């Protein structure tokens, strides 16, 4: 499974992108469960955020959903944080 996160906005307006390929990872099942929940609950269009807040584009195996601060679910927050931390 390929998971991509693109973060835009924020005070400085700096875009950040990261990607994780879960193939062959010992924790692939956890990634898959989390990603499937985020995709199932995601929005098909970018939501309006708050001034200087971050907007997120989350793509899992070609399917894209959108989210924005401060209205992230716990699953969205966890997936975004993990991908931006561990991804390339």
PDB file of N, CA and C in Angstrom:
ATOM      1  N   UNK A   1       0.845  -1.165   0.000  1.00  0.00           N
ATOM      2  CA  UNK A   1       0.000   0.000   0.000  1.00  0.00           C
ATOM      3  C   UNK A   1       0.895   1.235   0.000  1.00  0.00           C
ATOM      4  N   UNK A   2       0.572   2.189  -0.840  1.00  0.00           N
ATOM      5  CA  UNK A   2       1.330   3.437  -0.924  1.00  0.00           C
ATOM      6  C   UNK A   2       0.468   4.567  -0.351  1.00  0.00           C
ATOM      7  N   UNK A   3       0.998   5.256   0.661  1.00  0.00           N
ATOM      8  CA  UNK A   3       0.274   6.330   1.334  1.00  0.00           C
ATOM      9  C   UNK A   3       1.070   7.618   1.160  1.00  0.00           C
ATOM     10  N   UNK A   4       0.405   8.642   0.633  1.00  0.00           N
ATOM     11  CA  UNK A   4       1.046   9.928   0.410  1.00  0.00           C
ATOM     12  C   UNK A   4       0.281  11.009   1.169  1.00  0.00           C
ATOM     13  N   UNK A   5       1.017  11.947   1.735  1.00  0.00           N
ATOM     14  CA  UNK A   5       0.419  13.092   2.418  1.00  0.00           C
ATOM     15  C   UNK A   5       1.073  14.356   1.882  1.00  0.00           C
ATOM     16  N   UNK A   6       0.226  15.324   1.535  1.00  0.00           N
ATOM     17  CA  UNK A   6       0.714  16.647   1.121  1.00  0.00           C
ATOM     18  C   UNK A   6       0.083  17.658   2.063  1.00  0.00           C
ATOM     19  N   UNK A   7       0.921  18.397   2.765  1.00  0.00           N
ATOM     20  CA  UNK A   7       0.442  19.411   3.704  1.00  0.00           C
ATOM     21  C   UNK A   7       0.722  20.784   3.121  1.00  0.00           C
ATOM     22  N   UNK A   8      -0.284  21.634   3.102  1.00  0.00           N
ATOM     23  CA  UNK A   8      -0.141  22.992   2.585  1.00  0.00           C
ATOM     24  C   UNK A   8      -0.660  23.972   3.631  1.00  0.00           C
ATOM     25  N   UNK A   9      -0.351  25.239   3.417  1.00  0.00           N
ATOM     26  CA  UNK A   9      -0.855  26.286   4.307  1.00  0.00           C
ATOM     27  C   UNK A   9       0.085  26.548   5.456  1.00  0.00           C
ATOM     28  N   UNK A  10      -0.505  26.914   6.583  1.00  0.00           N
ATOM     29  CA  UNK A  10       0.297  27.271   7.737  1.00  0.00           C
ATOM     30  C   UNK A  10       0.753  28.713   7.648  1.00  0.00           C
ATOM     31  N   UNK A  11       1.343  29.178   8.699  1.00  0.00           N
ATOM     32  CA  UNK A  11       1.786  30.570   8.777  1.00  0.00           C
ATOM     33  C   UNK A  11       2.796  30.912   7.688  1.00  0.00           C
ATOM     34  N   UNK A  12       3.765  30.023   7.457  1.00  0.00           N
ATOM     35  CA  UNK A  12       4.809  30.288   6.473  1.00  0.00           C
ATOM     36  C   UNK A  12       4.415  29.854   5.061  1.00  0.00           C
ATOM     37  N   UNK A  13       3.350  29.067   4.930  1.00  0.00           N
ATOM     38  CA  UNK A  13       2.899  28.625   3.616  1.00  0.00           C
ATOM     39  C   UNK A  13       3.827  27.625   2.944  1.00  0.00           C
ATOM     40  N   UNK A  14       4.591  26.889   3.725  1.00  0.00           N
ATOM     41  CA  UNK A  14       5.542  25.922   3.165  1.00  0.00           C
ATOM     42  C   UNK A  14       4.847  24.578   2.957  1.00  0.00           C
ATOM     43  N   UNK A  15       4.942  24.056   1.748  1.00  0.00           N
ATOM     44  CA  UNK A  15       4.350  22.758   1.429  1.00  0.00           C
ATOM     45  C   UNK A  15       5.301  21.641   1.842  1.00  0.00           C
ATOM     46  N   UNK A  16       4.727  20.583   2.375  1.00  0.00           N
ATOM     47  CA  UNK A  16       5.521  19.413   2.761  1.00  0.00           C
ATOM     48  C   UNK A  16       4.834  18.168   2.237  1.00  0.00           C
ATOM     49  N   UNK A  17       5.598  17.280   1.625  1.00  0.00           N
ATOM     50  CA  UNK A  17       5.072  16.031   1.084  1.00  0.00           C
ATOM     51  C   UNK A  17       5.901  14.859   1.600  1.00  0.00           C
ATOM     52  N   UNK A  18       5.230  13.749   1.830  1.00  0.00           N
ATOM     53  CA  UNK A  18       5.923  12.536   2.243  1.00  0.00           C
ATOM     54  C   UNK A  18       5.113  11.340   1.772  1.00  0.00           C
ATOM     55  N   UNK A  19       5.806  10.211   1.631  1.00  0.00           N
ATOM     56  CA  UNK A  19       5.169   8.985   1.152  1.00  0.00           C
ATOM     57  C   UNK A  19       5.736   7.785   1.905  1.00  0.00           C
ATOM     58  N   UNK A  20       4.856   6.831   2.202  1.00  0.00           N
ATOM     59  CA  UNK A  20       5.265   5.584   2.839  1.00  0.00           C
ATOM     60  C   UNK A  20       4.722   4.432   2.003  1.00  0.00           C
ATOM     61  N   UNK A  21       5.575   3.480   1.701  1.00  0.00           N
ATOM     62  CA  UNK A  21       5.155   2.240   1.043  1.00  0.00           C
ATOM     63  C   UNK A  21       5.177   1.163   2.118  1.00  0.00           C
ATOM     64  N   UNK A  22       4.017   0.603   2.425  1.00  0.00           N
ATOM     65  CA  UNK A  22       3.915  -0.349   3.533  1.00  0.00           C
ATOM     66  C   UNK A  22       4.294  -1.771   3.144  1.00  0.00           C
ATOM     67  N   UNK A  23       4.569  -2.019   1.880  1.00  0.00           N
ATOM     68  CA  UNK A  23       4.921  -3.369   1.424  1.00  0.00           C
ATOM     69  C   UNK A  23       6.136  -3.885   2.174  1.00  0.00           C
ATOM     70  N   UNK A  24       6.002  -5.063   2.749  1.00  0.00           N
ATOM     71  CA  UNK A  24       7.110  -5.697   3.434  1.00  0.00           C
ATOM     72  C   UNK A  24       7.384  -5.189   4.842  1.00  0.00           C
ATOM     73  N   UNK A  25       6.623  -4.222   5.305  1.00  0.00           N
ATOM     74  CA  UNK A  25       6.829  -3.711   6.665  1.00  0.00           C
ATOM     75  C   UNK A  25       6.155  -4.641   7.666  1.00  0.00           C
ATOM     76  N   UNK A  26       6.766  -4.848   8.813  1.00  0.00           N
ATOM     77  CA  UNK A  26       6.141  -5.715   9.819  1.00  0.00           C
ATOM     78  C   UNK A  26       4.845  -5.131  10.386  1.00  0.00           C
ATOM     79  N   UNK A  27       4.698  -3.811  10.311  1.00  0.00           N
ATOM     80  CA  UNK A  27       3.491  -3.155  10.821  1.00  0.00           C
ATOM     81  C   UNK A  27       2.521  -2.758   9.702  1.00  0.00           C
ATOM     82  N   UNK A  28       2.623  -3.426   8.549  1.00  0.00           N
ATOM     83  CA  UNK A  28       1.792  -3.088   7.389  1.00  0.00           C
ATOM     84  C   UNK A  28       0.298  -3.186   7.693  1.00  0.00           C
ATOM     85  N   UNK A  29      -0.105  -4.150   8.500  1.00  0.00           N
ATOM     86  CA  UNK A  29      -1.518  -4.307   8.843  1.00  0.00           C
ATOM     87  C   UNK A  29      -2.077  -3.099   9.571  1.00  0.00           C
ATOM     88  N   UNK A  30      -1.310  -2.549  10.490  1.00  0.00           N
ATOM     89  CA  UNK A  30      -1.745  -1.353  11.232  1.00  0.00           C
ATOM     90  C   UNK A  30      -1.865  -0.161  10.298  1.00  0.00           C
ATOM     91  N   UNK A  31      -0.890   0.013   9.409  1.00  0.00           N
ATOM     92  CA  UNK A  31      -0.946   1.089   8.427  1.00  0.00           C
ATOM     93  C   UNK A  31      -2.192   0.942   7.551  1.00  0.00           C
ATOM     94  N   UNK A  32      -2.453  -0.286   7.085  1.00  0.00           N
ATOM     95  CA  UNK A  32      -3.582  -0.517   6.193  1.00  0.00           C
ATOM     96  C   UNK A  32      -4.901  -0.201   6.885  1.00  0.00           C
ATOM     97  N   UNK A  33      -5.077  -0.672   8.106  1.00  0.00           N
ATOM     98  CA  UNK A  33      -6.302  -0.403   8.854  1.00  0.00           C
ATOM     99  C   UNK A  33      -6.511   1.096   9.035  1.00  0.00           C
ATOM    100  N   UNK A  34      -5.473   1.772   9.447  1.00  0.00           N
ATOM    101  CA  UNK A  34      -5.548   3.213   9.670  1.00  0.00           C
ATOM    102  C   UNK A  34      -5.862   3.953   8.375  1.00  0.00           C
ATOM    103  N   UNK A  35      -5.173   3.611   7.295  1.00  0.00           N
ATOM    104  CA  UNK A  35      -5.389   4.270   6.005  1.00  0.00           C
ATOM    105  C   UNK A  35      -6.804   4.027   5.479  1.00  0.00           C
ATOM    106  N   UNK A  36      -7.307   2.822   5.624  1.00  0.00           N
ATOM    107  CA  UNK A  36      -8.664   2.522   5.155  1.00  0.00           C
ATOM    108  C   UNK A  36      -9.704   3.328   5.919  1.00  0.00           C
ATOM    109  N   UNK A  37      -9.512   3.504   7.214  1.00  0.00           N
ATOM    110  CA  UNK A  37     -10.450   4.313   8.014  1.00  0.00           C
ATOM    111  C   UNK A  37     -10.418   5.774   7.588  1.00  0.00           C
ATOM    112  N   UNK A  38      -9.222   6.285   7.333  1.00  0.00           N
ATOM    113  CA  UNK A  38      -9.081   7.680   6.915  1.00  0.00           C
ATOM    114  C   UNK A  38      -9.742   7.896   5.556  1.00  0.00           C
ATOM    115  N   UNK A  39      -9.524   6.987   4.624  1.00  0.00           N
ATOM    116  CA  UNK A  39     -10.123   7.111   3.295  1.00  0.00           C
ATOM    117  C   UNK A  39     -11.646   7.011   3.381  1.00  0.00           C
ATOM    118  N   UNK A  40     -12.158   6.073   4.163  1.00  0.00           N
ATOM    119  CA  UNK A  40     -13.605   5.884   4.279  1.00  0.00           C
ATOM    120  C   UNK A  40     -14.294   7.101   4.875  1.00  0.00           C
ATOM    121  N   UNK A  41     -13.625   7.793   5.795  1.00  0.00           N
ATOM    122  CA  UNK A  41     -14.244   8.935   6.471  1.00  0.00           C
ATOM    123  C   UNK A  41     -13.870  10.275   5.837  1.00  0.00           C
ATOM    124  N   UNK A  42     -13.038  10.242   4.794  1.00  0.00           N
ATOM    125  CA  UNK A  42     -12.516  11.476   4.214  1.00  0.00           C
ATOM    126  C   UNK A  42     -13.501  12.201   3.315  1.00  0.00           C
ATOM    127  N   UNK A  43     -13.127  13.430   3.006  1.00  0.00           N
ATOM    128  CA  UNK A  43     -13.914  14.283   2.118  1.00  0.00           C
ATOM    129  C   UNK A  43     -13.319  14.246   0.713  1.00  0.00           C
ATOM    130  N   UNK A  44     -14.187  14.318  -0.279  1.00  0.00           N
ATOM    131  CA  UNK A  44     -13.738  14.311  -1.661  1.00  0.00           C
ATOM    132  C   UNK A  44     -13.292  15.662  -2.172  1.00  0.00           C
ATOM    133  N   UNK A  45     -13.570  16.719  -1.411  1.00  0.00           N
ATOM    134  CA  UNK A  45     -13.155  18.068  -1.778  1.00  0.00           C
ATOM    135  C   UNK A  45     -12.474  18.712  -0.570  1.00  0.00           C
ATOM    136  N   UNK A  46     -11.561  19.636  -0.815  1.00  0.00           N
ATOM    137  CA  UNK A  46     -10.876  20.279   0.298  1.00  0.00           C
ATOM    138  C   UNK A  46     -11.859  21.068   1.175  1.00  0.00           C
ATOM    139  N   UNK A  47     -11.843  20.844   2.483  1.00  0.00           N
ATOM    140  CA  UNK A  47     -12.705  21.612   3.379  1.00  0.00           C
ATOM    141  C   UNK A  47     -12.107  22.993   3.631  1.00  0.00           C
ATOM    142  N   UNK A  48     -12.933  23.919   4.061  1.00  0.00           N
ATOM    143  CA  UNK A  48     -12.384  25.222   4.427  1.00  0.00           C
ATOM    144  C   UNK A  48     -11.733  25.076   5.789  1.00  0.00           C
ATOM    145  N   UNK A  49     -10.574  25.602   5.912  1.00  0.00           N
ATOM    146  CA  UNK A  49      -9.839  25.513   7.166  1.00  0.00           C
ATOM    147  C   UNK A  49      -9.932  26.825   7.923  1.00  0.00           C
ATOM    148  N   UNK A  50      -8.916  27.094   8.689  1.00  0.00           N
ATOM    149  CA  UNK A  50      -8.827  28.332   9.445  1.00  0.00           C
ATOM    150  C   UNK A  50      -7.619  29.114   8.953  1.00  0.00           C
ATOM    151  N   UNK A  51      -7.597  30.427   9.151  1.00  0.00           N
ATOM    152  CA  UNK A  51      -6.424  31.193   8.725  1.00  0.00           C
ATOM    153  C   UNK A  51      -5.144  30.621   9.339  1.00  0.00           C
ATOM    154  N   UNK A  52      -4.133  30.483   8.526  1.00  0.00           N
ATOM    155  CA  UNK A  52      -2.825  29.954   8.916  1.00  0.00           C
ATOM    156  C   UNK A  52      -2.869  28.499   9.384  1.00  0.00           C
ATOM    157  N   UNK A  53      -3.958  27.799   9.122  1.00  0.00           N
ATOM    158  CA  UNK A  53      -4.049  26.379   9.451  1.00  0.00           C
ATOM    159  C   UNK A  53      -3.533  25.544   8.296  1.00  0.00           C
ATOM    160  N   UNK A  54      -3.313  24.281   8.562  1.00  0.00           N
ATOM    161  CA  UNK A  54      -2.832  23.376   7.528  1.00  0.00           C
ATOM    162  C   UNK A  54      -3.990  22.678   6.836  1.00  0.00           C
ATOM    163  N   UNK A  55      -3.828  22.444   5.536  1.00  0.00           N
ATOM    164  CA  UNK A  55      -4.727  21.615   4.759  1.00  0.00           C
ATOM    165  C   UNK A  55      -3.960  20.373   4.327  1.00  0.00           C
ATOM    166  N   UNK A  56      -4.651  19.255   4.202  1.00  0.00           N
ATOM    167  CA  UNK A  56      -3.987  17.985   3.890  1.00  0.00           C
ATOM    168  C   UNK A  56      -4.666  17.289   2.724  1.00  0.00           C
ATOM    169  N   UNK A  57      -3.847  16.742   1.851  1.00  0.00           N
ATOM    170  CA  UNK A  57      -4.294  15.875   0.774  1.00  0.00           C
ATOM    171  C   UNK A  57      -3.701  14.505   1.086  1.00  0.00           C
ATOM    172  N   UNK A  58      -4.562  13.526   1.297  1.00  0.00           N
ATOM    173  CA  UNK A  58      -4.127  12.182   1.678  1.00  0.00           C
ATOM    174  C   UNK A  58      -4.497  11.233   0.551  1.00  0.00           C
ATOM    175  N   UNK A  59      -3.504  10.555  -0.011  1.00  0.00           N
ATOM    176  CA  UNK A  59      -3.734   9.646  -1.121  1.00  0.00           C
ATOM    177  C   UNK A  59      -3.269   8.244  -0.729  1.00  0.00           C
ATOM    178  N   UNK A  60      -4.176   7.296  -0.870  1.00  0.00           N
ATOM    179  CA  UNK A  60      -3.871   5.894  -0.560  1.00  0.00           C
ATOM    180  C   UNK A  60      -4.161   5.081  -1.812  1.00  0.00           C
ATOM    181  N   UNK A  61      -3.109   4.517  -2.392  1.00  0.00           N
ATOM    182  CA  UNK A  61      -3.232   3.714  -3.607  1.00  0.00           C
ATOM    183  C   UNK A  61      -4.098   4.395  -4.670  1.00  0.00           C
ATOM    184  N   UNK A  62      -3.851   5.682  -4.892  1.00  0.00           N
ATOM    185  CA  UNK A  62      -4.536   6.416  -5.951  1.00  0.00           C
ATOM    186  C   UNK A  62      -5.862   7.052  -5.565  1.00  0.00           C
ATOM    187  N   UNK A  63      -6.359   6.795  -4.392  1.00  0.00           N
ATOM    188  CA  UNK A  63      -7.622   7.398  -3.934  1.00  0.00           C
ATOM    189  C   UNK A  63      -7.304   8.546  -2.975  1.00  0.00           C
ATOM    190  N   UNK A  64      -7.831   9.743  -3.270  1.00  0.00           N
ATOM    191  CA  UNK A  64      -7.469  10.943  -2.525  1.00  0.00           C
ATOM    192  C   UNK A  64      -8.645  11.496  -1.736  1.00  0.00           C
ATOM    193  N   UNK A  65      -8.357  11.890  -0.498  1.00  0.00           N
ATOM    194  CA  UNK A  65      -9.313  12.602   0.355  1.00  0.00           C
ATOM    195  C   UNK A  65      -8.606  13.818   0.933  1.00  0.00           C
ATOM    196  N   UNK A  66      -9.404  14.726   1.506  1.00  0.00           N
ATOM    197  CA  UNK A  66      -8.874  15.982   2.019  1.00  0.00           C
ATOM    198  C   UNK A  66      -9.299  16.192   3.463  1.00  0.00           C
ATOM    199  N   UNK A  67      -8.471  16.926   4.195  1.00  0.00           N
ATOM    200  CA  UNK A  67      -8.765  17.259   5.587  1.00  0.00           C
ATOM    201  C   UNK A  67      -8.092  18.595   5.893  1.00  0.00           C
ATOM    202  N   UNK A  68      -8.510  19.227   6.994  1.00  0.00           N
ATOM    203  CA  UNK A  68      -7.912  20.499   7.389  1.00  0.00           C
ATOM    204  C   UNK A  68      -7.947  20.652   8.897  1.00  0.00           C
ATOM    205  N   UNK A  69      -6.936  21.341   9.405  1.00  0.00           N
ATOM    206  CA  UNK A  69      -6.928  21.714  10.820  1.00  0.00           C
ATOM    207  C   UNK A  69      -8.032  22.751  11.030  1.00  0.00           C
ATOM    208  N   UNK A  70      -8.662  22.809  12.141  1.00  0.00           N
ATOM    209  CA  UNK A  70      -8.444  22.014  13.340  1.00  0.00           C
ATOM    210  C   UNK A  70      -9.384  20.807  13.433  1.00  0.00           C
ATOM    211  N   UNK A  71     -10.045  20.475  12.358  1.00  0.00           N
ATOM    212  CA  UNK A  71     -11.074  19.420  12.397  1.00  0.00           C
ATOM    213  C   UNK A  71     -10.568  18.072  11.908  1.00  0.00           C
ATOM    214  N   UNK A  72      -9.431  17.627  12.416  1.00  0.00           N
ATOM    215  CA  UNK A  72      -8.909  16.313  12.054  1.00  0.00           C
ATOM    216  C   UNK A  72      -9.437  15.274  13.034  1.00  0.00           C
ATOM    217  N   UNK A  73      -9.794  14.112  12.503  1.00  0.00           N
ATOM    218  CA  UNK A  73     -10.161  13.007  13.386  1.00  0.00           C
ATOM    219  C   UNK A  73      -8.874  12.451  13.996  1.00  0.00           C
ATOM    220  N   UNK A  74      -9.001  11.641  15.016  1.00  0.00           N
ATOM    221  CA  UNK A  74      -7.821  11.031  15.629  1.00  0.00           C
ATOM    222  C   UNK A  74      -7.072  10.167  14.622  1.00  0.00           C
ATOM    223  N   UNK A  75      -7.830   9.423  13.778  1.00  0.00           N
ATOM    224  CA  UNK A  75      -7.188   8.580  12.763  1.00  0.00           C
ATOM    225  C   UNK A  75      -6.453   9.423  11.732  1.00  0.00           C
ATOM    226  N   UNK A  76      -7.067  10.517  11.280  1.00  0.00           N
ATOM    227  CA  UNK A  76      -6.406  11.394  10.320  1.00  0.00           C
ATOM    228  C   UNK A  76      -5.123  11.957  10.920  1.00  0.00           C
ATOM    229  N   UNK A  77      -5.213  12.442  12.147  1.00  0.00           N
ATOM    230  CA  UNK A  77      -4.050  13.032  12.809  1.00  0.00           C
ATOM    231  C   UNK A  77      -2.917  11.999  12.941  1.00  0.00           C
ATOM    232  N   UNK A  78      -3.268  10.778  13.341  1.00  0.00           N
ATOM    233  CA  UNK A  78      -2.256   9.735  13.506  1.00  0.00           C
ATOM    234  C   UNK A  78      -1.597   9.381  12.177  1.00  0.00           C
ATOM    235  N   UNK A  79      -2.402   9.190  11.129  1.00  0.00           N
ATOM    236  CA  UNK A  79      -1.846   8.822   9.828  1.00  0.00           C
ATOM    237  C   UNK A  79      -0.963   9.938   9.276  1.00  0.00           C
ATOM    238  N   UNK A  80      -1.446  11.158   9.327  1.00  0.00           N
ATOM    239  CA  UNK A  80      -0.676  12.300   8.822  1.00  0.00           C
ATOM    240  C   UNK A  80       0.647  12.409   9.561  1.00  0.00           C
ATOM    241  N   UNK A  81       0.607  12.333  10.873  1.00  0.00           N
ATOM    242  CA  UNK A  81       1.818  12.445  11.679  1.00  0.00           C
ATOM    243  C   UNK A  81       2.812  11.342  11.342  1.00  0.00           C
ATOM    244  N   UNK A  82       2.321  10.109  11.240  1.00  0.00           N
ATOM    245  CA  UNK A  82       3.213   8.990  10.942  1.00  0.00           C
ATOM    246  C   UNK A  82       3.837   9.101   9.559  1.00  0.00           C
ATOM    247  N   UNK A  83       3.034   9.463   8.558  1.00  0.00           N
ATOM    248  CA  UNK A  83       3.581   9.571   7.196  1.00  0.00           C
ATOM    249  C   UNK A  83       4.599  10.704   7.120  1.00  0.00           C
ATOM    250  N   UNK A  84       4.283  11.871   7.690  1.00  0.00           N
ATOM    251  CA  UNK A  84       5.226  12.983   7.623  1.00  0.00           C
ATOM    252  C   UNK A  84       6.506  12.691   8.418  1.00  0.00           C
ATOM    253  N   UNK A  85       6.407  11.878   9.457  1.00  0.00           N
ATOM    254  CA  UNK A  85       7.579  11.542  10.267  1.00  0.00           C
ATOM    255  C   UNK A  85       8.424  10.447   9.626  1.00  0.00           C
ATOM    256  N   UNK A  86       7.782   9.382   9.130  1.00  0.00           N
ATOM    257  CA  UNK A  86       8.506   8.214   8.642  1.00  0.00           C
ATOM    258  C   UNK A  86       8.696   8.187   7.129  1.00  0.00           C
ATOM    259  N   UNK A  87       7.951   9.010   6.415  1.00  0.00           N
ATOM    260  CA  UNK A  87       7.987   8.965   4.959  1.00  0.00           C
ATOM    261  C   UNK A  87       9.162   9.685   4.356  1.00  0.00           C
ATOM    262  N   UNK A  88       9.351   9.405   3.084  1.00  0.00           N
ATOM    263  CA  UNK A  88      10.434  10.039   2.342  1.00  0.00           C
ATOM    264  C   UNK A  88       9.883  11.107   1.429  1.00  0.00           C
TER     265      UNK A  88
END
